[in-house]
Amino acid sequence: MRSKVIWAALGAAALLAGCAGLASKREQTAEQSHPPIGQFVDVDGTRVHAWVAGSGPDLVLIHGAGGNLRDFTFDLAEKLTDRYRVIAFDRPGLGYTERLPGFGGLNTVEGESPLQQAALLQKAAAQLGVKRPIVLGHSFGGAVALAWGLNAPDDTAALVLLGSVSNPWPGDLGRFYDVTGSALGGATAVPLITVLASQSRIEQSVTDVFTPQKPPKGYVDYIGAPLTLRRESLRANGQQVVTLRPHIVRMSQRYASELTMPVEIIHGDADTTVPLDIHSKPLSEQLKNGKLTVLSGIGHMPHHADPKTTIAAIDRAAARAGLR
């Protein structure tokens, strides 16, 4: 019996060693096909990837879970550079921004909180000369945008929130995040996912996020989904998502008294990823200056499904903040 256990352990170790080599090759391929498209800012030893273009009032864009700044540069950002200086960031562990010190590694089970992520990006923004920005966040990025406002209420002109996580939710977020966010899953399942995830599965995952709409033509190839399948990014994403709720509980208690800047909230009523009734409707009631726009029949990607309404919300935020 003991020998069987030993041989099983050796077999598992050999399998993981083989997966590590294959995973490294797949990660290299992902980075070659989707290299950085912005510039790097060093924040106390942590490298932050930022895309900057345009002129005008500063507009910061923060992407959601499992994504990167390419979600914005695919289409939306270029439509804004004629009247805003647009700064899109990769969040910690995703795209090409490194994780904060103390996070990462096979024994880590905690993810960077929205407040910690916002603080890192605020330091990077300061190095880029950003002053009193409008901060837009999508999905998980909306929680980071809210944290940005909480960290620096007097230096945040306005917030624009797209299908954003903002309030506590019932239940858990699914087995995938439980596995990729755990120490055991990070060491065993994550390398397998990196190696075995097929192109069809990647495309289906993207399609699921857009439902009931379809991804725009060329989006799947452009976004760089394989970057999210890198082991460190899978772990970072899982850890951040699975540990998010307690941070949201604490943050939500501060909204009413501390977020006094204009806030434009855009949310589709067909969003099943971040439900409207749990997040944006309560948020609009918590905020003195919150304005909610509900998009009929739109899912979790309003900036792609209805860019005109998204841009109009940004322009309203700028006007309400006295930037225009």
C-alpha atoms as a PDB file:
ATOM      1  CA  MET A   1       0.000   0.000   0.000  1.00  0.00           C
ATOM      2  CA  ARG A   2       2.774   2.388   0.948  1.00  0.00           C
ATOM      3  CA  SER A   3       4.628   1.709  -2.299  1.00  0.00           C
ATOM      4  CA  LYS A   4       1.482   2.477  -4.297  1.00  0.00           C
ATOM      5  CA  VAL A   5       1.163   5.828  -2.547  1.00  0.00           C
ATOM      6  CA  ILE A   6       4.829   6.595  -3.249  1.00  0.00           C
ATOM      7  CA  TRP A   7       4.493   5.670  -6.935  1.00  0.00           C
ATOM      8  CA  ALA A   8       1.313   7.732  -7.218  1.00  0.00           C
ATOM      9  CA  ALA A   9       3.069  10.728  -5.678  1.00  0.00           C
ATOM     10  CA  LEU A  10       6.022  10.307  -8.033  1.00  0.00           C
ATOM     11  CA  GLY A  11       3.662  10.051 -10.990  1.00  0.00           C
ATOM     12  CA  ALA A  12       1.856  13.218  -9.955  1.00  0.00           C
ATOM     13  CA  ALA A  13       5.160  15.040  -9.515  1.00  0.00           C
ATOM     14  CA  ALA A  14       6.308  13.946 -12.960  1.00  0.00           C
ATOM     15  CA  LEU A  15       3.008  15.068 -14.484  1.00  0.00           C
ATOM     16  CA  LEU A  16       3.272  18.496 -12.875  1.00  0.00           C
ATOM     17  CA  ALA A  17       6.902  18.818 -13.977  1.00  0.00           C
ATOM     18  CA  GLY A  18       5.881  18.052 -17.534  1.00  0.00           C
ATOM     19  CA  CYS A  19       3.010  20.524 -17.312  1.00  0.00           C
ATOM     20  CA  ALA A  20       5.371  23.218 -16.056  1.00  0.00           C
ATOM     21  CA  GLY A  21       7.520  22.917 -19.168  1.00  0.00           C
ATOM     22  CA  LEU A  22       4.523  22.950 -21.501  1.00  0.00           C
ATOM     23  CA  ALA A  23       2.969  25.832 -19.565  1.00  0.00           C
ATOM     24  CA  SER A  24       6.142  27.891 -19.935  1.00  0.00           C
ATOM     25  CA  LYS A  25       6.088  27.386 -23.704  1.00  0.00           C
ATOM     26  CA  ARG A  26       2.435  28.367 -23.923  1.00  0.00           C
ATOM     27  CA  GLU A  27       3.064  31.469 -21.819  1.00  0.00           C
ATOM     28  CA  GLN A  28       5.942  32.502 -24.088  1.00  0.00           C
ATOM     29  CA  THR A  29       3.698  32.073 -27.119  1.00  0.00           C
ATOM     30  CA  ALA A  30       0.984  34.210 -25.506  1.00  0.00           C
ATOM     31  CA  GLU A  31       3.432  37.014 -24.755  1.00  0.00           C
ATOM     32  CA  GLN A  32       4.919  36.883 -28.251  1.00  0.00           C
ATOM     33  CA  SER A  33       1.509  37.090 -29.911  1.00  0.00           C
ATOM     34  CA  HIS A  34       0.202  39.787 -27.537  1.00  0.00           C
ATOM     35  CA  PRO A  35       3.137  41.918 -26.372  1.00  0.00           C
ATOM     36  CA  PRO A  36       2.814  45.054 -24.237  1.00  0.00           C
ATOM     37  CA  ILE A  37       1.234  47.946 -26.158  1.00  0.00           C
ATOM     38  CA  GLY A  38       1.882  50.681 -23.595  1.00  0.00           C
ATOM     39  CA  GLN A  39       4.656  51.915 -21.350  1.00  0.00           C
ATOM     40  CA  PHE A  40       5.947  50.769 -17.983  1.00  0.00           C
ATOM     41  CA  VAL A  41       5.973  52.739 -14.751  1.00  0.00           C
ATOM     42  CA  ASP A  42       8.007  51.590 -11.748  1.00  0.00           C
ATOM     43  CA  VAL A  43       6.092  52.016  -8.482  1.00  0.00           C
ATOM     44  CA  ASP A  44       8.325  51.162  -5.525  1.00  0.00           C
ATOM     45  CA  GLY A  45       9.729  48.199  -7.445  1.00  0.00           C
ATOM     46  CA  THR A  46       6.421  47.028  -8.933  1.00  0.00           C
ATOM     47  CA  ARG A  47       6.128  47.352 -12.707  1.00  0.00           C
ATOM     48  CA  VAL A  48       2.822  48.825 -13.921  1.00  0.00           C
ATOM     49  CA  HIS A  49       1.740  48.672 -17.567  1.00  0.00           C
ATOM     50  CA  ALA A  50      -0.107  51.757 -18.845  1.00  0.00           C
ATOM     51  CA  TRP A  51      -1.423  52.872 -22.244  1.00  0.00           C
ATOM     52  CA  VAL A  52      -1.592  56.659 -22.631  1.00  0.00           C
ATOM     53  CA  ALA A  53      -2.967  58.661 -25.564  1.00  0.00           C
ATOM     54  CA  GLY A  54      -4.878  61.840 -26.345  1.00  0.00           C
ATOM     55  CA  SER A  55      -5.175  65.229 -24.703  1.00  0.00           C
ATOM     56  CA  GLY A  56      -7.648  66.930 -22.407  1.00  0.00           C
ATOM     57  CA  PRO A  57      -8.933  66.080 -18.921  1.00  0.00           C
ATOM     58  CA  ASP A  58      -7.441  62.867 -17.547  1.00  0.00           C
ATOM     59  CA  LEU A  59      -9.586  59.745 -17.939  1.00  0.00           C
ATOM     60  CA  VAL A  60      -8.382  56.536 -16.254  1.00  0.00           C
ATOM     61  CA  LEU A  61      -9.731  53.176 -17.471  1.00  0.00           C
ATOM     62  CA  ILE A  62      -9.630  50.049 -15.238  1.00  0.00           C
ATOM     63  CA  HIS A  63     -10.531  46.640 -16.668  1.00  0.00           C
ATOM     64  CA  GLY A  64     -12.425  43.754 -15.098  1.00  0.00           C
ATOM     65  CA  ALA A  65     -11.567  40.256 -13.861  1.00  0.00           C
ATOM     66  CA  GLY A  66      -9.539  38.076 -16.193  1.00  0.00           C
ATOM     67  CA  GLY A  67      -8.958  40.942 -18.618  1.00  0.00           C
ATOM     68  CA  ASN A  68      -6.344  43.517 -19.463  1.00  0.00           C
ATOM     69  CA  LEU A  69      -6.203  47.050 -20.860  1.00  0.00           C
ATOM     70  CA  ARG A  70      -6.678  45.729 -24.405  1.00  0.00           C
ATOM     71  CA  ASP A  71     -10.385  45.470 -23.586  1.00  0.00           C
ATOM     72  CA  PHE A  72     -10.465  49.274 -23.803  1.00  0.00           C
ATOM     73  CA  THR A  73      -7.931  49.830 -26.586  1.00  0.00           C
ATOM     74  CA  PHE A  74      -9.860  47.471 -28.886  1.00  0.00           C
ATOM     75  CA  ASP A  75     -12.361  50.214 -29.635  1.00  0.00           C
ATOM     76  CA  LEU A  76     -13.469  52.558 -26.849  1.00  0.00           C
ATOM     77  CA  ALA A  77     -10.227  54.363 -26.002  1.00  0.00           C
ATOM     78  CA  GLU A  78      -9.598  55.653 -29.521  1.00  0.00           C
ATOM     79  CA  LYS A  79     -13.068  57.236 -29.548  1.00  0.00           C
ATOM     80  CA  LEU A  80     -12.118  59.323 -26.510  1.00  0.00           C
ATOM     81  CA  THR A  81      -8.611  60.555 -27.261  1.00  0.00           C
ATOM     82  CA  ASP A  82      -9.856  63.573 -29.205  1.00  0.00           C
ATOM     83  CA  ARG A  83     -11.023  65.217 -25.979  1.00  0.00           C
ATOM     84  CA  TYR A  84      -9.477  63.283 -23.076  1.00  0.00           C
ATOM     85  CA  ARG A  85      -6.017  62.119 -22.125  1.00  0.00           C
ATOM     86  CA  VAL A  86      -6.812  58.441 -21.740  1.00  0.00           C
ATOM     87  CA  ILE A  87      -4.786  56.292 -19.357  1.00  0.00           C
ATOM     88  CA  ALA A  88      -5.617  52.577 -19.367  1.00  0.00           C
ATOM     89  CA  PHE A  89      -3.955  50.343 -16.787  1.00  0.00           C
ATOM     90  CA  ASP A  90      -3.407  46.618 -16.411  1.00  0.00           C
ATOM     91  CA  ARG A  91      -4.402  45.612 -12.878  1.00  0.00           C
ATOM     92  CA  PRO A  92      -1.914  43.711 -10.646  1.00  0.00           C
ATOM     93  CA  GLY A  93      -1.113  40.234 -11.918  1.00  0.00           C
ATOM     94  CA  LEU A  94      -3.042  40.731 -15.165  1.00  0.00           C
ATOM     95  CA  GLY A  95      -1.788  41.859 -18.530  1.00  0.00           C
ATOM     96  CA  TYR A  96       1.730  43.135 -17.893  1.00  0.00           C
ATOM     97  CA  THR A  97       1.401  44.704 -14.447  1.00  0.00           C
ATOM     98  CA  GLU A  98       3.231  42.807 -11.727  1.00  0.00           C
ATOM     99  CA  ARG A  99       1.671  41.677  -8.479  1.00  0.00           C
ATOM    100  CA  LEU A 100       2.220  43.720  -5.352  1.00  0.00           C
ATOM    101  CA  PRO A 101       4.993  42.600  -2.957  1.00  0.00           C
ATOM    102  CA  GLY A 102       3.803  39.844  -0.651  1.00  0.00           C
ATOM    103  CA  PHE A 103       1.327  38.446  -3.170  1.00  0.00           C
ATOM    104  CA  GLY A 104       1.868  35.620  -5.607  1.00  0.00           C
ATOM    105  CA  GLY A 105       3.673  32.323  -5.188  1.00  0.00           C
ATOM    106  CA  LEU A 106       2.241  28.871  -4.705  1.00  0.00           C
ATOM    107  CA  ASN A 107       1.404  29.331  -1.019  1.00  0.00           C
ATOM    108  CA  THR A 108      -0.525  32.579  -1.470  1.00  0.00           C
ATOM    109  CA  VAL A 109      -4.294  32.518  -0.976  1.00  0.00           C
ATOM    110  CA  GLU A 110      -4.952  36.248  -0.638  1.00  0.00           C
ATOM    111  CA  GLY A 111      -5.461  38.591  -3.555  1.00  0.00           C
ATOM    112  CA  GLU A 112      -4.742  42.297  -3.728  1.00  0.00           C
ATOM    113  CA  SER A 113      -7.763  44.199  -2.386  1.00  0.00           C
ATOM    114  CA  PRO A 114      -9.475  46.916  -4.456  1.00  0.00           C
ATOM    115  CA  LEU A 115      -8.000  49.542  -2.124  1.00  0.00           C
ATOM    116  CA  GLN A 116      -4.478  48.133  -2.566  1.00  0.00           C
ATOM    117  CA  GLN A 117      -4.888  47.919  -6.333  1.00  0.00           C
ATOM    118  CA  ALA A 118      -6.200  51.472  -6.499  1.00  0.00           C
ATOM    119  CA  ALA A 119      -3.293  52.736  -4.390  1.00  0.00           C
ATOM    120  CA  LEU A 120      -0.777  51.125  -6.764  1.00  0.00           C
ATOM    121  CA  LEU A 121      -2.455  52.564  -9.857  1.00  0.00           C
ATOM    122  CA  GLN A 122      -2.764  55.986  -8.218  1.00  0.00           C
ATOM    123  CA  LYS A 123       0.992  56.069  -7.645  1.00  0.00           C
ATOM    124  CA  ALA A 124       1.559  55.071 -11.270  1.00  0.00           C
ATOM    125  CA  ALA A 125      -0.913  57.733 -12.405  1.00  0.00           C
ATOM    126  CA  ALA A 126       0.896  60.371 -10.358  1.00  0.00           C
ATOM    127  CA  GLN A 127       4.142  59.514 -12.176  1.00  0.00           C
ATOM    128  CA  LEU A 128       2.289  60.029 -15.455  1.00  0.00           C
ATOM    129  CA  GLY A 129       1.182  63.481 -14.328  1.00  0.00           C
ATOM    130  CA  VAL A 130      -2.465  62.549 -13.830  1.00  0.00           C
ATOM    131  CA  LYS A 131      -4.438  65.151 -11.907  1.00  0.00           C
ATOM    132  CA  ARG A 132      -8.056  65.010 -10.735  1.00  0.00           C
ATOM    133  CA  PRO A 133      -9.077  62.276 -13.184  1.00  0.00           C
ATOM    134  CA  ILE A 134     -12.389  60.807 -14.177  1.00  0.00           C
ATOM    135  CA  VAL A 135     -11.970  57.135 -13.236  1.00  0.00           C
ATOM    136  CA  LEU A 136     -13.891  54.501 -15.199  1.00  0.00           C
ATOM    137  CA  GLY A 137     -14.067  50.901 -14.049  1.00  0.00           C
ATOM    138  CA  HIS A 138     -15.710  47.843 -15.567  1.00  0.00           C
ATOM    139  CA  SER A 139     -16.863  44.847 -13.486  1.00  0.00           C
ATOM    140  CA  PHE A 140     -14.107  44.099 -10.906  1.00  0.00           C
ATOM    141  CA  GLY A 141     -12.446  47.255 -12.191  1.00  0.00           C
ATOM    142  CA  GLY A 142     -15.494  49.150 -10.955  1.00  0.00           C
ATOM    143  CA  ALA A 143     -14.667  48.047  -7.417  1.00  0.00           C
ATOM    144  CA  VAL A 144     -11.136  49.380  -7.962  1.00  0.00           C
ATOM    145  CA  ALA A 145     -12.573  52.649  -9.307  1.00  0.00           C
ATOM    146  CA  LEU A 146     -14.746  52.965  -6.184  1.00  0.00           C
ATOM    147  CA  ALA A 147     -11.646  52.273  -4.085  1.00  0.00           C
ATOM    148  CA  TRP A 148      -9.798  54.972  -6.042  1.00  0.00           C
ATOM    149  CA  GLY A 149     -12.487  57.441  -5.024  1.00  0.00           C
ATOM    150  CA  LEU A 150     -12.354  56.306  -1.404  1.00  0.00           C
ATOM    151  CA  ASN A 151      -8.558  56.613  -1.356  1.00  0.00           C
ATOM    152  CA  ALA A 152      -8.538  60.121  -2.846  1.00  0.00           C
ATOM    153  CA  PRO A 153     -12.001  61.728  -2.791  1.00  0.00           C
ATOM    154  CA  ASP A 154     -10.677  65.271  -3.180  1.00  0.00           C
ATOM    155  CA  ASP A 155      -8.480  64.382  -6.154  1.00  0.00           C
ATOM    156  CA  THR A 156     -11.061  62.290  -8.062  1.00  0.00           C
ATOM    157  CA  ALA A 157     -13.194  64.412 -10.384  1.00  0.00           C
ATOM    158  CA  ALA A 158     -15.822  61.753 -11.090  1.00  0.00           C
ATOM    159  CA  LEU A 159     -16.428  58.019 -11.401  1.00  0.00           C
ATOM    160  CA  VAL A 160     -17.972  56.096 -14.296  1.00  0.00           C
ATOM    161  CA  LEU A 161     -18.981  52.537 -13.441  1.00  0.00           C
ATOM    162  CA  LEU A 162     -19.829  49.906 -16.068  1.00  0.00           C
ATOM    163  CA  GLY A 163     -21.509  46.711 -14.868  1.00  0.00           C
ATOM    164  CA  SER A 164     -19.501  47.164 -11.708  1.00  0.00           C
ATOM    165  CA  VAL A 165     -19.149  45.134  -8.548  1.00  0.00           C
ATOM    166  CA  SER A 166     -20.136  47.453  -5.709  1.00  0.00           C
ATOM    167  CA  ASN A 167     -22.189  45.665  -3.058  1.00  0.00           C
ATOM    168  CA  PRO A 168     -22.144  42.318  -1.202  1.00  0.00           C
ATOM    169  CA  TRP A 169     -23.754  39.385  -2.998  1.00  0.00           C
ATOM    170  CA  PRO A 170     -25.267  36.117  -1.750  1.00  0.00           C
ATOM    171  CA  GLY A 171     -23.502  32.791  -2.291  1.00  0.00           C
ATOM    172  CA  ASP A 172     -20.099  32.103  -3.829  1.00  0.00           C
ATOM    173  CA  LEU A 173     -18.655  32.788  -7.259  1.00  0.00           C
ATOM    174  CA  GLY A 174     -18.165  29.242  -8.501  1.00  0.00           C
ATOM    175  CA  ARG A 175     -15.789  26.318  -8.383  1.00  0.00           C
ATOM    176  CA  PHE A 176     -13.345  27.776 -10.922  1.00  0.00           C
ATOM    177  CA  TYR A 177     -12.351  30.679  -8.661  1.00  0.00           C
ATOM    178  CA  ASP A 178     -12.315  28.454  -5.584  1.00  0.00           C
ATOM    179  CA  VAL A 179      -9.793  26.197  -7.308  1.00  0.00           C
ATOM    180  CA  THR A 180      -7.569  28.778  -9.002  1.00  0.00           C
ATOM    181  CA  GLY A 181      -7.602  30.972  -5.889  1.00  0.00           C
ATOM    182  CA  SER A 182      -6.490  28.237  -3.505  1.00  0.00           C
ATOM    183  CA  ALA A 183      -2.919  27.211  -2.706  1.00  0.00           C
ATOM    184  CA  LEU A 184      -3.538  23.575  -3.718  1.00  0.00           C
ATOM    185  CA  GLY A 185      -5.403  24.492  -6.890  1.00  0.00           C
ATOM    186  CA  GLY A 186      -2.772  27.063  -7.768  1.00  0.00           C
ATOM    187  CA  ALA A 187      -0.072  24.410  -7.580  1.00  0.00           C
ATOM    188  CA  THR A 188      -1.932  21.569  -9.308  1.00  0.00           C
ATOM    189  CA  ALA A 189      -4.955  22.657 -11.355  1.00  0.00           C
ATOM    190  CA  VAL A 190      -3.637  25.969 -12.669  1.00  0.00           C
ATOM    191  CA  PRO A 191      -0.730  24.460 -14.678  1.00  0.00           C
ATOM    192  CA  LEU A 192      -3.167  21.976 -16.204  1.00  0.00           C
ATOM    193  CA  ILE A 193      -5.552  24.775 -17.204  1.00  0.00           C
ATOM    194  CA  THR A 194      -2.663  26.707 -18.748  1.00  0.00           C
ATOM    195  CA  VAL A 195      -1.660  23.705 -20.819  1.00  0.00           C
ATOM    196  CA  LEU A 196      -5.033  22.177 -21.707  1.00  0.00           C
ATOM    197  CA  ALA A 197      -7.364  25.143 -22.325  1.00  0.00           C
ATOM    198  CA  SER A 198      -8.355  24.934 -25.985  1.00  0.00           C
ATOM    199  CA  GLN A 199      -8.997  27.818 -28.377  1.00  0.00           C
ATOM    200  CA  SER A 200     -12.667  26.808 -28.582  1.00  0.00           C
ATOM    201  CA  ARG A 201     -12.954  26.932 -24.788  1.00  0.00           C
ATOM    202  CA  ILE A 202     -11.332  30.357 -24.724  1.00  0.00           C
ATOM    203  CA  GLU A 203     -13.744  31.621 -27.372  1.00  0.00           C
ATOM    204  CA  GLN A 204     -16.711  30.185 -25.481  1.00  0.00           C
ATOM    205  CA  SER A 205     -15.614  31.861 -22.257  1.00  0.00           C
ATOM    206  CA  VAL A 206     -15.444  35.226 -24.008  1.00  0.00           C
ATOM    207  CA  THR A 207     -18.826  34.614 -25.625  1.00  0.00           C
ATOM    208  CA  ASP A 208     -20.335  33.812 -22.224  1.00  0.00           C
ATOM    209  CA  VAL A 209     -19.150  37.159 -20.837  1.00  0.00           C
ATOM    210  CA  PHE A 210     -20.849  39.042 -23.690  1.00  0.00           C
ATOM    211  CA  THR A 211     -24.168  37.159 -23.556  1.00  0.00           C
ATOM    212  CA  PRO A 212     -26.806  37.993 -24.772  1.00  0.00           C
ATOM    213  CA  GLN A 213     -24.665  40.029 -27.184  1.00  0.00           C
ATOM    214  CA  LYS A 214     -21.834  38.556 -29.235  1.00  0.00           C
ATOM    215  CA  PRO A 215     -18.184  39.637 -29.076  1.00  0.00           C
ATOM    216  CA  PRO A 216     -17.300  42.192 -31.769  1.00  0.00           C
ATOM    217  CA  LYS A 217     -15.515  40.849 -34.812  1.00  0.00           C
ATOM    218  CA  GLY A 218     -11.810  40.506 -34.092  1.00  0.00           C
ATOM    219  CA  TYR A 219     -12.193  40.955 -30.327  1.00  0.00           C
ATOM    220  CA  VAL A 220     -11.161  37.430 -29.315  1.00  0.00           C
ATOM    221  CA  ASP A 221      -7.944  37.630 -31.337  1.00  0.00           C
ATOM    222  CA  TYR A 222      -7.127  41.141 -30.144  1.00  0.00           C
ATOM    223  CA  ILE A 223      -7.848  40.882 -26.416  1.00  0.00           C
ATOM    224  CA  GLY A 224      -5.084  38.431 -25.635  1.00  0.00           C
ATOM    225  CA  ALA A 225      -7.093  35.912 -23.640  1.00  0.00           C
ATOM    226  CA  PRO A 226      -4.057  33.562 -23.551  1.00  0.00           C
ATOM    227  CA  LEU A 227      -2.343  36.149 -21.340  1.00  0.00           C
ATOM    228  CA  THR A 228      -4.929  35.396 -18.653  1.00  0.00           C
ATOM    229  CA  LEU A 229      -4.113  31.683 -18.945  1.00  0.00           C
ATOM    230  CA  ARG A 230      -0.562  32.268 -17.742  1.00  0.00           C
ATOM    231  CA  ARG A 231      -0.144  30.585 -14.369  1.00  0.00           C
ATOM    232  CA  GLU A 232       0.578  33.745 -12.399  1.00  0.00           C
ATOM    233  CA  SER A 233      -2.378  35.558 -13.956  1.00  0.00           C
ATOM    234  CA  LEU A 234      -4.750  32.656 -13.289  1.00  0.00           C
ATOM    235  CA  ARG A 235      -3.658  32.583  -9.650  1.00  0.00           C
ATOM    236  CA  ALA A 236      -3.869  36.365  -9.284  1.00  0.00           C
ATOM    237  CA  ASN A 237      -7.313  36.519 -10.837  1.00  0.00           C
ATOM    238  CA  GLY A 238      -8.624  33.632  -8.742  1.00  0.00           C
ATOM    239  CA  GLN A 239      -7.215  34.996  -5.498  1.00  0.00           C
ATOM    240  CA  GLN A 240      -8.509  38.508  -6.118  1.00  0.00           C
ATOM    241  CA  VAL A 241     -12.007  37.324  -7.020  1.00  0.00           C
ATOM    242  CA  VAL A 242     -12.422  34.715  -4.299  1.00  0.00           C
ATOM    243  CA  THR A 243     -11.335  37.152  -1.552  1.00  0.00           C
ATOM    244  CA  LEU A 244     -13.228  40.176  -2.899  1.00  0.00           C
ATOM    245  CA  ARG A 245     -16.485  40.012  -0.958  1.00  0.00           C
ATOM    246  CA  PRO A 246     -15.196  40.996   2.531  1.00  0.00           C
ATOM    247  CA  HIS A 247     -13.512  44.040   1.002  1.00  0.00           C
ATOM    248  CA  ILE A 248     -16.748  45.033  -0.720  1.00  0.00           C
ATOM    249  CA  VAL A 249     -18.649  44.685   2.557  1.00  0.00           C
ATOM    250  CA  ARG A 250     -16.306  47.157   4.235  1.00  0.00           C
ATOM    251  CA  MET A 251     -16.092  49.526   1.284  1.00  0.00           C
ATOM    252  CA  SER A 252     -19.861  49.716   0.834  1.00  0.00           C
ATOM    253  CA  GLN A 253     -20.239  51.100   4.341  1.00  0.00           C
ATOM    254  CA  ARG A 254     -18.183  54.146   3.284  1.00  0.00           C
ATOM    255  CA  TYR A 255     -19.885  55.062   0.006  1.00  0.00           C
ATOM    256  CA  ALA A 256     -22.598  57.353   1.293  1.00  0.00           C
ATOM    257  CA  SER A 257     -20.344  59.565   3.407  1.00  0.00           C
ATOM    258  CA  GLU A 258     -17.136  59.578   1.345  1.00  0.00           C
ATOM    259  CA  LEU A 259     -18.042  59.324  -2.339  1.00  0.00           C
ATOM    260  CA  THR A 260     -19.498  62.779  -2.912  1.00  0.00           C
ATOM    261  CA  MET A 261     -18.116  63.302  -6.446  1.00  0.00           C
ATOM    262  CA  PRO A 262     -20.375  62.795  -9.517  1.00  0.00           C
ATOM    263  CA  VAL A 263     -20.843  59.117 -10.298  1.00  0.00           C
ATOM    264  CA  GLU A 264     -22.303  57.826 -13.570  1.00  0.00           C
ATOM    265  CA  ILE A 265     -23.474  54.215 -13.334  1.00  0.00           C
ATOM    266  CA  ILE A 266     -24.194  52.171 -16.486  1.00  0.00           C
ATOM    267  CA  HIS A 267     -25.629  48.675 -16.141  1.00  0.00           C
ATOM    268  CA  GLY A 268     -27.396  46.260 -18.483  1.00  0.00           C
ATOM    269  CA  ASP A 269     -30.546  44.599 -17.188  1.00  0.00           C
ATOM    270  CA  ALA A 270     -29.509  41.339 -18.895  1.00  0.00           C
ATOM    271  CA  ASP A 271     -26.198  41.181 -16.994  1.00  0.00           C
ATOM    272  CA  THR A 272     -26.021  37.814 -15.223  1.00  0.00           C
ATOM    273  CA  THR A 273     -22.343  38.140 -14.271  1.00  0.00           C
ATOM    274  CA  VAL A 274     -22.782  41.187 -12.020  1.00  0.00           C
ATOM    275  CA  PRO A 275     -26.540  41.490 -11.450  1.00  0.00           C
ATOM    276  CA  LEU A 276     -28.060  44.958 -11.675  1.00  0.00           C
ATOM    277  CA  ASP A 277     -30.396  44.508  -8.686  1.00  0.00           C
ATOM    278  CA  ILE A 278     -27.580  43.430  -6.353  1.00  0.00           C
ATOM    279  CA  HIS A 279     -25.007  46.019  -7.352  1.00  0.00           C
ATOM    280  CA  SER A 280     -25.870  49.165  -9.298  1.00  0.00           C
ATOM    281  CA  LYS A 281     -29.430  49.737  -8.121  1.00  0.00           C
ATOM    282  CA  PRO A 282     -28.430  49.755  -4.422  1.00  0.00           C
ATOM    283  CA  LEU A 283     -25.339  51.799  -5.269  1.00  0.00           C
ATOM    284  CA  SER A 284     -27.410  54.506  -6.965  1.00  0.00           C
ATOM    285  CA  GLU A 285     -29.404  54.837  -3.730  1.00  0.00           C
ATOM    286  CA  GLN A 286     -26.280  54.934  -1.566  1.00  0.00           C
ATOM    287  CA  LEU A 287     -24.669  57.787  -3.477  1.00  0.00           C
ATOM    288  CA  LYS A 288     -25.885  61.349  -3.191  1.00  0.00           C
ATOM    289  CA  ASN A 289     -24.532  62.191  -6.652  1.00  0.00           C
ATOM    290  CA  GLY A 290     -25.032  58.797  -8.313  1.00  0.00           C
ATOM    291  CA  LYS A 291     -26.907  58.652 -11.636  1.00  0.00           C
ATOM    292  CA  LEU A 292     -27.981  55.204 -12.874  1.00  0.00           C
ATOM    293  CA  THR A 293     -28.632  54.440 -16.540  1.00  0.00           C
ATOM    294  CA  VAL A 294     -30.149  50.995 -17.158  1.00  0.00           C
ATOM    295  CA  LEU A 295     -29.601  49.506 -20.621  1.00  0.00           C
ATOM    296  CA  SER A 296     -32.445  47.269 -21.748  1.00  0.00           C
ATOM    297  CA  GLY A 297     -31.365  43.865 -23.058  1.00  0.00           C
ATOM    298  CA  ILE A 298     -27.664  44.564 -22.559  1.00  0.00           C
ATOM    299  CA  GLY A 299     -25.360  42.128 -20.784  1.00  0.00           C
ATOM    300  CA  HIS A 300     -22.057  42.502 -18.970  1.00  0.00           C
ATOM    301  CA  MET A 301     -20.112  44.448 -21.645  1.00  0.00           C
ATOM    302  CA  PRO A 302     -21.974  47.754 -22.071  1.00  0.00           C
ATOM    303  CA  HIS A 303     -18.947  49.634 -23.430  1.00  0.00           C
ATOM    304  CA  HIS A 304     -18.918  47.261 -26.391  1.00  0.00           C
ATOM    305  CA  ALA A 305     -22.658  46.727 -26.736  1.00  0.00           C
ATOM    306  CA  ASP A 306     -23.545  50.419 -26.433  1.00  0.00           C
ATOM    307  CA  PRO A 307     -20.434  52.598 -26.737  1.00  0.00           C
ATOM    308  CA  LYS A 308     -22.467  55.742 -27.479  1.00  0.00           C
ATOM    309  CA  THR A 309     -24.220  55.559 -24.105  1.00  0.00           C
ATOM    310  CA  THR A 310     -20.915  54.822 -22.389  1.00  0.00           C
ATOM    311  CA  ILE A 311     -19.227  57.825 -24.007  1.00  0.00           C
ATOM    312  CA  ALA A 312     -22.217  60.025 -23.183  1.00  0.00           C
ATOM    313  CA  ALA A 313     -21.885  58.989 -19.533  1.00  0.00           C
ATOM    314  CA  ILE A 314     -18.190  59.933 -19.560  1.00  0.00           C
ATOM    315  CA  ASP A 315     -19.022  63.316 -21.070  1.00  0.00           C
ATOM    316  CA  ARG A 316     -21.756  63.885 -18.466  1.00  0.00           C
ATOM    317  CA  ALA A 317     -19.320  63.008 -15.702  1.00  0.00           C
ATOM    318  CA  ALA A 318     -16.832  65.524 -17.090  1.00  0.00           C
ATOM    319  CA  ALA A 319     -19.497  68.225 -17.290  1.00  0.00           C
ATOM    320  CA  ARG A 320     -20.820  67.503 -13.813  1.00  0.00           C
ATOM    321  CA  ALA A 321     -17.264  67.666 -12.451  1.00  0.00           C
ATOM    322  CA  GLY A 322     -16.654  71.030 -14.094  1.00  0.00           C
ATOM    323  CA  LEU A 323     -14.059  69.672 -16.502  1.00  0.00           C
ATOM    324  CA  ARG A 324     -16.074  70.806 -19.542  1.00  0.00           C
END
